[in-house]
Amino acid sequence: MTHIVVLGSTNMDLVTYVAKAPQRGETVTGREFRTIPGGKGANQAIAAARAGATVSMVGAVGNDAFGLRMRDTLEHSGVDTDFLRTVEGPSGTAHIVVDDEGGNSIVVIPGANGTVDHLSPGDEGLIASADALLLQLEIPLAAVVAGVQAAHRHGVRTVLTPSPAQPLPPELLAATDLLVPNEYEAVTLTGRTDPREAAAALLELVPEVVVTLGATGCLYRSRGTEPLVVAAPQVTAVDSTGAGDTFVGALAVALAEEKPVREALSWAAAAAAISVQRAGASASMPYRPEIEDQYHA
């Protein structure tokens, strides 16, 4: 079975649902509040596990109730947590506002994730055993660089989600095989507002790029090939939180299983389409039979 390692964040998502998100200085009344285990790292781990891979999570939670719940959620989704450390202090949190159109705005408080600034003993051996390593930018950059370089040394495919968007150091890009930004992140990284131009600029830095385009689908570029646009299934979005992570987790599984690129992208888009029709991040992520049904629909 495909083995995916995720080096990244675990957060408790504190989600407020409103008709319309407040402007600066404005107070609005929400209709619902939920606590949902999340974090880009944990989300991608759960997505990949539900998509059919064996998954190991490397990161940290606090010694609080949120930490216990996040570990439990990962384990119940089939994610191995032997390399998920528990540290003194609070777990990470993400404060999320979701509007009636399914859009969201997010503030992340790192908490325990801020302690993941290096690889711990055994982490590199675990990474070396994987078919792919998934990384994001919600833990200190030093650990992201150490992880991607360890994977590169052992010939393990590296998939980086550059979120939250920030300048990427050359040593990180040099060891990244596939970069998966959304439209906003692609613009932030390149200054190009057109997704095709942004993808072309990013292709000068890494061998493969997928720019996710929300309800439109995604744009794939690799060196020496023509751009490939893959449409997303047309669905009514309830909550887009975690859709990008669902896409990345499913895509990593499909590519590790050596599906052709177009098929892998369509399969991942099917997974993301299911997730946006449900509330929450990790809670919305589909299992493999659901993805197959949506893909063949």
Protein backbone atom coordinates (compact mmCIF):
# COMPACT_ATOMS: atom_id res chain seq x y z
CA MET A 1 0.00 0.00 0.00
CA THR A 2 1.12 3.56 -0.71
CA HIS A 3 2.87 5.21 2.26
CA ILE A 4 2.48 8.97 2.71
CA VAL A 5 4.28 10.97 5.42
CA VAL A 6 2.94 14.40 6.36
CA LEU A 7 5.17 16.93 8.13
CA GLY A 8 3.00 19.79 9.26
CA SER A 9 0.48 21.42 11.54
CA THR A 10 -2.38 20.24 13.69
CA ASN A 11 -4.93 22.87 14.75
CA MET A 12 -8.30 22.89 16.38
CA ASP A 13 -10.56 24.81 13.99
CA LEU A 14 -12.87 27.21 15.81
CA VAL A 15 -15.50 27.78 13.13
CA THR A 16 -18.20 30.45 13.08
CA TYR A 17 -20.90 30.35 10.40
CA VAL A 18 -22.39 33.68 9.29
CA ALA A 19 -24.52 35.00 6.44
CA LYS A 20 -21.84 37.52 5.52
CA ALA A 21 -18.36 37.94 6.99
CA PRO A 22 -17.89 41.19 8.97
CA GLN A 23 -15.98 44.13 7.56
CA ARG A 24 -13.28 45.80 9.65
CA GLY A 25 -14.95 47.36 12.70
CA GLU A 26 -18.25 45.60 12.02
CA THR A 27 -20.06 43.19 14.34
CA VAL A 28 -22.38 40.55 12.90
CA THR A 29 -24.46 37.76 14.43
CA GLY A 30 -23.49 34.23 13.54
CA ARG A 31 -25.83 31.25 13.42
CA GLU A 32 -23.52 28.41 14.56
CA PHE A 33 -20.16 27.67 16.19
CA ARG A 34 -18.24 24.40 15.95
CA THR A 35 -14.86 23.03 17.03
CA ILE A 36 -13.42 20.76 14.34
CA PRO A 37 -9.96 19.14 14.31
CA GLY A 38 -7.88 20.57 11.46
CA GLY A 39 -4.60 22.22 10.52
CA LYS A 40 -3.20 21.88 7.02
CA GLY A 41 -0.90 19.03 8.00
CA ALA A 42 -3.56 17.01 9.81
CA ASN A 43 -6.09 17.76 7.07
CA GLN A 44 -3.79 16.43 4.34
CA ALA A 45 -2.96 13.37 6.46
CA ILE A 46 -6.64 12.55 6.98
CA ALA A 47 -7.44 13.19 3.32
CA ALA A 48 -4.66 10.85 2.18
CA ALA A 49 -5.62 8.14 4.67
CA ARG A 50 -9.27 8.24 3.65
CA ALA A 51 -8.19 8.15 0.01
CA GLY A 52 -6.54 4.81 0.63
CA ALA A 53 -2.92 5.36 1.73
CA THR A 54 -1.00 4.33 4.81
CA VAL A 55 -0.24 7.69 6.44
CA SER A 56 2.13 8.85 9.17
CA MET A 57 1.87 12.29 10.81
CA VAL A 58 4.93 14.22 12.02
CA GLY A 59 4.22 17.31 14.13
CA ALA A 60 3.12 18.38 17.61
CA VAL A 61 0.03 18.96 19.72
CA GLY A 62 -0.24 20.60 23.13
CA ASN A 63 -0.99 18.82 26.40
CA ASP A 64 -4.55 20.14 26.43
CA ALA A 65 -8.00 18.83 25.54
CA PHE A 66 -7.62 20.02 21.94
CA GLY A 67 -4.42 17.99 21.60
CA LEU A 68 -6.09 14.83 22.86
CA ARG A 69 -9.02 15.29 20.50
CA MET A 70 -6.83 15.96 17.47
CA ARG A 71 -4.72 12.87 18.11
CA ASP A 72 -7.87 10.81 18.53
CA THR A 73 -9.35 12.18 15.29
CA LEU A 74 -6.20 11.35 13.33
CA GLU A 75 -6.07 7.83 14.70
CA HIS A 76 -9.75 7.20 13.98
CA SER A 77 -9.10 8.24 10.37
CA GLY A 78 -6.32 5.66 10.13
CA VAL A 79 -3.34 8.03 10.54
CA ASP A 80 -0.33 6.76 12.50
CA THR A 81 0.54 9.26 15.27
CA ASP A 82 3.69 7.65 16.68
CA PHE A 83 5.70 10.66 15.43
CA LEU A 84 3.17 13.28 16.59
CA ARG A 85 4.76 14.80 19.67
CA THR A 86 2.91 16.14 22.72
CA VAL A 87 4.50 19.31 24.17
CA GLU A 88 3.79 21.59 27.12
CA GLY A 89 1.30 24.37 26.40
CA PRO A 90 -1.68 24.90 24.11
CA SER A 91 -2.34 23.20 20.80
CA GLY A 92 -2.59 25.26 17.63
CA THR A 93 -5.91 26.87 16.79
CA ALA A 94 -7.46 28.29 13.63
CA HIS A 95 -10.21 30.89 13.96
CA ILE A 96 -12.43 30.57 10.88
CA VAL A 97 -15.40 32.56 9.61
CA VAL A 98 -17.49 30.80 6.94
CA ASP A 99 -20.13 32.74 4.97
CA ASP A 100 -23.27 31.53 3.20
CA GLU A 101 -21.42 31.25 -0.12
CA GLY A 102 -18.98 28.77 1.40
CA GLY A 103 -16.08 31.26 1.47
CA ASN A 104 -13.86 31.61 4.49
CA SER A 105 -11.30 33.78 6.25
CA ILE A 106 -8.85 32.29 8.74
CA VAL A 107 -6.51 33.41 11.54
CA VAL A 108 -4.06 30.73 12.73
CA ILE A 109 -2.45 30.71 16.21
CA PRO A 110 0.50 28.25 16.00
CA GLY A 111 0.60 27.01 19.60
CA ALA A 112 2.40 23.65 19.73
CA ASN A 113 3.11 23.82 16.00
CA GLY A 114 5.67 26.53 16.75
CA THR A 115 7.85 23.95 18.51
CA VAL A 116 8.26 21.89 15.32
CA ASP A 117 11.41 23.71 14.18
CA HIS A 118 13.61 20.67 13.48
CA LEU A 119 13.44 16.96 12.71
CA SER A 120 13.43 14.75 15.78
CA PRO A 121 15.23 11.38 16.05
CA GLY A 122 13.54 8.87 13.79
CA ASP A 123 11.81 11.44 11.58
CA GLU A 124 14.26 11.11 8.71
CA GLY A 125 14.03 7.32 8.75
CA LEU A 126 10.26 7.56 8.57
CA ILE A 127 10.44 10.02 5.68
CA ALA A 128 12.90 7.75 3.86
CA SER A 129 10.35 4.91 3.99
CA ALA A 130 7.62 6.95 2.29
CA ASP A 131 6.41 7.18 -1.29
CA ALA A 132 5.74 10.89 -0.82
CA LEU A 133 6.23 13.64 1.77
CA LEU A 134 3.57 16.34 2.09
CA LEU A 135 4.55 19.71 3.57
CA GLN A 136 2.90 23.09 4.23
CA LEU A 137 4.02 26.34 5.91
CA GLU A 138 2.10 26.32 9.21
CA ILE A 139 5.16 25.09 11.13
CA PRO A 140 8.54 26.88 11.35
CA LEU A 141 10.28 27.08 7.99
CA ALA A 142 13.44 25.45 9.36
CA ALA A 143 11.58 22.16 9.86
CA VAL A 144 9.97 22.36 6.43
CA VAL A 145 13.39 22.81 4.82
CA ALA A 146 14.90 20.00 6.91
CA GLY A 147 12.05 17.68 5.96
CA VAL A 148 12.10 18.42 2.24
CA GLN A 149 15.88 18.01 2.12
CA ALA A 150 15.68 14.68 3.98
CA ALA A 151 13.10 13.42 1.48
CA HIS A 152 15.21 14.66 -1.42
CA ARG A 153 18.26 12.78 -0.11
CA HIS A 154 16.29 9.55 -0.07
CA GLY A 155 14.56 10.00 -3.43
CA VAL A 156 11.11 10.55 -1.90
CA ARG A 157 8.68 12.71 -3.88
CA THR A 158 8.02 16.05 -2.15
CA VAL A 159 4.71 17.93 -2.41
CA LEU A 160 4.63 21.45 -0.96
CA THR A 161 1.53 23.55 -0.30
CA PRO A 162 2.90 27.11 0.08
CA SER A 163 0.35 28.24 2.67
CA PRO A 164 0.36 30.65 4.40
CA ALA A 165 1.99 32.30 1.38
CA GLN A 166 5.46 33.68 2.07
CA PRO A 167 8.80 33.97 0.26
CA LEU A 168 10.25 30.51 -0.35
CA PRO A 169 14.00 30.10 0.21
CA PRO A 170 16.06 28.60 -2.62
CA GLU A 171 17.02 25.54 -0.58
CA LEU A 172 13.33 24.70 -0.11
CA LEU A 173 12.49 25.11 -3.78
CA ALA A 174 15.55 23.11 -4.84
CA ALA A 175 14.18 20.03 -3.05
CA THR A 176 10.51 20.48 -3.98
CA ASP A 177 9.16 18.22 -6.73
CA LEU A 178 5.55 19.44 -6.89
CA LEU A 179 4.28 22.85 -5.74
CA VAL A 180 0.51 23.20 -5.18
CA PRO A 181 -0.55 26.83 -4.54
CA ASN A 182 -4.06 28.19 -4.85
CA GLU A 183 -4.71 31.26 -7.00
CA TYR A 184 -3.99 33.72 -4.19
CA GLU A 185 -0.77 31.98 -3.23
CA ALA A 186 0.38 31.78 -6.85
CA VAL A 187 -0.15 35.54 -7.22
CA THR A 188 1.63 36.25 -3.94
CA LEU A 189 4.63 34.13 -4.93
CA THR A 190 4.99 35.49 -8.47
CA GLY A 191 3.20 38.84 -8.69
CA ARG A 192 1.38 37.47 -11.79
CA THR A 193 -2.41 37.73 -11.64
CA ASP A 194 -3.07 35.33 -14.52
CA PRO A 195 -2.87 31.69 -13.32
CA ARG A 196 -1.14 30.56 -16.53
CA GLU A 197 1.53 33.23 -16.18
CA ALA A 198 1.93 32.45 -12.47
CA ALA A 199 2.31 28.73 -13.19
CA ALA A 200 4.89 29.44 -15.88
CA ALA A 201 6.88 31.61 -13.47
CA LEU A 202 6.76 28.95 -10.75
CA LEU A 203 7.87 26.31 -13.24
CA GLU A 204 11.21 28.09 -13.41
CA LEU A 205 11.65 27.22 -9.72
CA VAL A 206 10.27 23.66 -9.42
CA PRO A 207 9.70 20.77 -11.86
CA GLU A 208 5.90 20.55 -11.48
CA VAL A 209 3.16 22.99 -10.48
CA VAL A 210 -0.56 22.64 -9.86
CA VAL A 211 -2.47 25.89 -9.32
CA THR A 212 -5.85 25.13 -7.78
CA LEU A 213 -8.65 27.34 -9.12
CA GLY A 214 -11.51 26.64 -6.73
CA ALA A 215 -14.77 25.75 -8.47
CA THR A 216 -13.07 26.13 -11.86
CA GLY A 217 -10.70 23.20 -11.30
CA CYS A 218 -6.91 23.30 -11.56
CA LEU A 219 -4.02 24.11 -13.89
CA TYR A 220 -1.08 21.71 -14.19
CA ARG A 221 2.33 22.52 -15.61
CA SER A 222 5.51 20.48 -15.89
CA ARG A 223 8.70 21.34 -17.71
CA GLY A 224 8.62 20.54 -21.40
CA THR A 225 4.84 20.01 -21.61
CA GLU A 226 1.82 22.10 -22.52
CA PRO A 227 -0.47 23.45 -19.77
CA LEU A 228 -3.19 21.05 -18.67
CA VAL A 229 -6.49 22.41 -17.32
CA VAL A 230 -8.75 19.98 -15.46
CA ALA A 231 -12.29 21.04 -14.61
CA ALA A 232 -13.89 20.45 -11.22
CA PRO A 233 -17.27 18.79 -10.79
CA GLN A 234 -20.04 21.39 -10.53
CA VAL A 235 -21.52 21.25 -7.04
CA THR A 236 -23.12 23.64 -4.54
CA ALA A 237 -20.52 24.63 -1.95
CA VAL A 238 -21.44 24.69 1.72
CA ASP A 239 -17.97 25.21 3.22
CA SER A 240 -14.70 25.37 1.28
CA THR A 241 -12.52 25.00 4.40
CA GLY A 242 -10.10 22.12 3.84
CA ALA A 243 -10.95 21.65 0.16
CA GLY A 244 -7.40 22.43 -0.93
CA ASP A 245 -5.99 19.99 1.61
CA THR A 246 -8.44 17.32 0.46
CA PHE A 247 -7.25 17.89 -3.10
CA VAL A 248 -3.56 17.62 -2.15
CA GLY A 249 -4.00 14.52 0.00
CA ALA A 250 -5.98 12.71 -2.69
CA LEU A 251 -3.61 13.88 -5.44
CA ALA A 252 -0.57 12.57 -3.56
CA VAL A 253 -2.21 9.16 -3.25
CA ALA A 254 -3.20 9.07 -6.92
CA LEU A 255 0.29 10.05 -8.11
CA ALA A 256 1.95 7.55 -5.75
CA GLU A 257 -0.31 4.89 -7.27
CA GLU A 258 1.06 6.00 -10.66
CA LYS A 259 -2.24 7.17 -12.07
CA PRO A 260 -1.75 9.29 -15.24
CA VAL A 261 -1.56 12.99 -14.39
CA ARG A 262 -4.92 13.97 -15.89
CA GLU A 263 -6.66 11.08 -14.12
CA ALA A 264 -4.90 11.90 -10.84
CA LEU A 265 -5.97 15.54 -11.04
CA SER A 266 -9.57 14.65 -11.87
CA TRP A 267 -9.67 12.13 -9.04
CA ALA A 268 -8.35 14.72 -6.59
CA ALA A 269 -10.86 17.29 -7.89
CA ALA A 270 -13.64 14.77 -7.26
CA ALA A 271 -12.48 14.40 -3.65
CA ALA A 272 -12.41 18.17 -3.16
CA ALA A 273 -15.87 18.54 -4.72
CA ILE A 274 -17.29 16.17 -2.13
CA SER A 275 -15.60 18.04 0.73
CA VAL A 276 -17.04 21.46 -0.14
CA GLN A 277 -20.57 20.06 0.09
CA ARG A 278 -20.04 19.35 3.79
CA ALA A 279 -19.24 21.54 6.80
CA GLY A 280 -15.78 21.61 8.35
CA ALA A 281 -12.33 20.60 7.20
CA SER A 282 -11.35 17.12 8.39
CA ALA A 283 -15.01 16.28 9.01
CA SER A 284 -15.83 16.84 5.33
CA MET A 285 -13.15 14.66 3.77
CA PRO A 286 -14.39 11.69 1.71
CA TYR A 287 -13.38 8.05 1.85
CA ARG A 288 -12.05 6.27 -1.21
CA PRO A 289 -15.35 4.63 -2.29
CA GLU A 290 -17.01 8.07 -2.25
CA ILE A 291 -14.22 9.52 -4.39
CA GLU A 292 -14.53 6.67 -6.87
CA ASP A 293 -18.31 7.21 -7.10
CA GLN A 294 -17.88 10.97 -7.70
CA TYR A 295 -15.05 10.41 -10.20
CA HIS A 296 -17.14 7.99 -12.26
CA ALA A 297 -20.35 10.04 -11.96
